[in-house]
Amino acid sequence: MALAQVVYQISTDTDFASRMRTDPEGALAERGWRLSKEELAFLWKAITRTAQGKDEIMSLARVKPTRGWF
C-alpha cells in the first residue's frame, strides 16, 4: 500500500516530489513509509526522468485493477 501512497503523493505534492529527487529515503522516512529496494528503484527511475517521467508516474496513479488481479 505504501507504494500507491508514494505515487499519489508525488503526483499531487510538488514539494514531496522534489524531496524524492534529492533524498528519497529521507522523504519517505519523514512520512513513516518504507519501500522495498525494487519499489524504490522503480520510483527513482521514474522521477529522475524529464517530463516524460512525471507523466508516467501520474498515469500509474490512475491505473485500475483488472479482473485478473483479484
Protein backbone atom coordinates (compact mmCIF):
# COMPACT_ATOMS: atom_id res chain seq x y z
CA MET A 1 0.00 0.00 0.00
CA ALA A 2 2.87 2.40 0.68
CA LEU A 3 3.90 2.42 -2.99
CA ALA A 4 0.45 3.63 -4.05
CA GLN A 5 0.58 6.34 -1.37
CA VAL A 6 4.01 7.48 -2.54
CA VAL A 7 2.96 7.57 -6.20
CA TYR A 8 -0.12 9.60 -5.28
CA GLN A 9 1.89 11.98 -3.13
CA ILE A 10 4.48 12.51 -5.88
CA SER A 11 1.73 13.32 -8.37
CA THR A 12 -0.06 15.80 -6.10
CA ASP A 13 2.65 17.38 -3.93
CA THR A 14 5.47 19.17 -5.78
CA ASP A 15 7.49 19.68 -2.59
CA PHE A 16 7.39 15.97 -1.82
CA ALA A 17 8.26 15.12 -5.44
CA SER A 18 11.24 17.46 -5.28
CA ARG A 19 12.38 15.93 -1.99
CA MET A 20 12.09 12.47 -3.51
CA ARG A 21 14.51 13.57 -6.25
CA THR A 22 17.12 14.80 -3.77
CA ASP A 23 16.70 12.43 -0.81
CA PRO A 24 14.16 9.66 -1.44
CA GLU A 25 14.89 7.69 1.72
CA GLY A 26 14.64 10.84 3.86
CA ALA A 27 11.40 11.92 2.20
CA LEU A 28 9.88 8.50 2.80
CA ALA A 29 11.10 8.31 6.39
CA GLU A 30 9.52 11.69 7.19
CA ARG A 31 6.13 10.19 6.36
CA GLY A 32 6.80 6.85 8.00
CA TRP A 33 6.84 4.96 4.70
CA ARG A 34 9.23 2.17 3.77
CA LEU A 35 9.65 0.70 0.31
CA SER A 36 11.47 -2.37 -0.88
CA LYS A 37 14.66 -1.93 -2.89
CA GLU A 38 12.74 -2.83 -6.04
CA GLU A 39 9.97 -0.30 -5.37
CA LEU A 40 12.50 2.42 -4.59
CA ALA A 41 14.48 1.62 -7.76
CA PHE A 42 11.29 1.83 -9.82
CA LEU A 43 10.35 5.19 -8.35
CA TRP A 44 13.89 6.53 -8.67
CA LYS A 45 13.97 5.65 -12.36
CA ALA A 46 10.59 7.29 -12.96
CA ILE A 47 11.13 10.52 -11.01
CA THR A 48 14.59 11.20 -12.36
CA ARG A 49 13.35 11.34 -15.93
CA THR A 50 12.26 14.59 -17.52
CA ALA A 51 8.61 15.50 -18.01
CA GLN A 52 8.00 12.06 -19.51
CA GLY A 53 8.80 10.51 -16.14
CA LYS A 54 6.24 12.69 -14.39
CA ASP A 55 3.61 11.68 -16.94
CA GLU A 56 4.38 8.00 -16.31
CA ILE A 57 4.14 8.38 -12.55
CA MET A 58 0.86 10.28 -12.84
CA SER A 59 -0.57 7.62 -15.15
CA LEU A 60 0.27 4.98 -12.53
CA ALA A 61 -1.95 6.79 -10.05
CA ARG A 62 -4.88 6.27 -12.44
CA VAL A 63 -4.34 2.54 -13.07
CA LYS A 64 -7.39 0.46 -12.26
CA PRO A 65 -7.10 -3.24 -11.47
CA THR A 66 -8.38 -5.73 -13.98
CA ARG A 67 -10.32 -8.87 -13.23
CA GLY A 68 -7.11 -10.91 -13.21
CA TRP A 69 -5.81 -9.02 -10.17
CA PHE A 70 -8.47 -10.34 -7.82
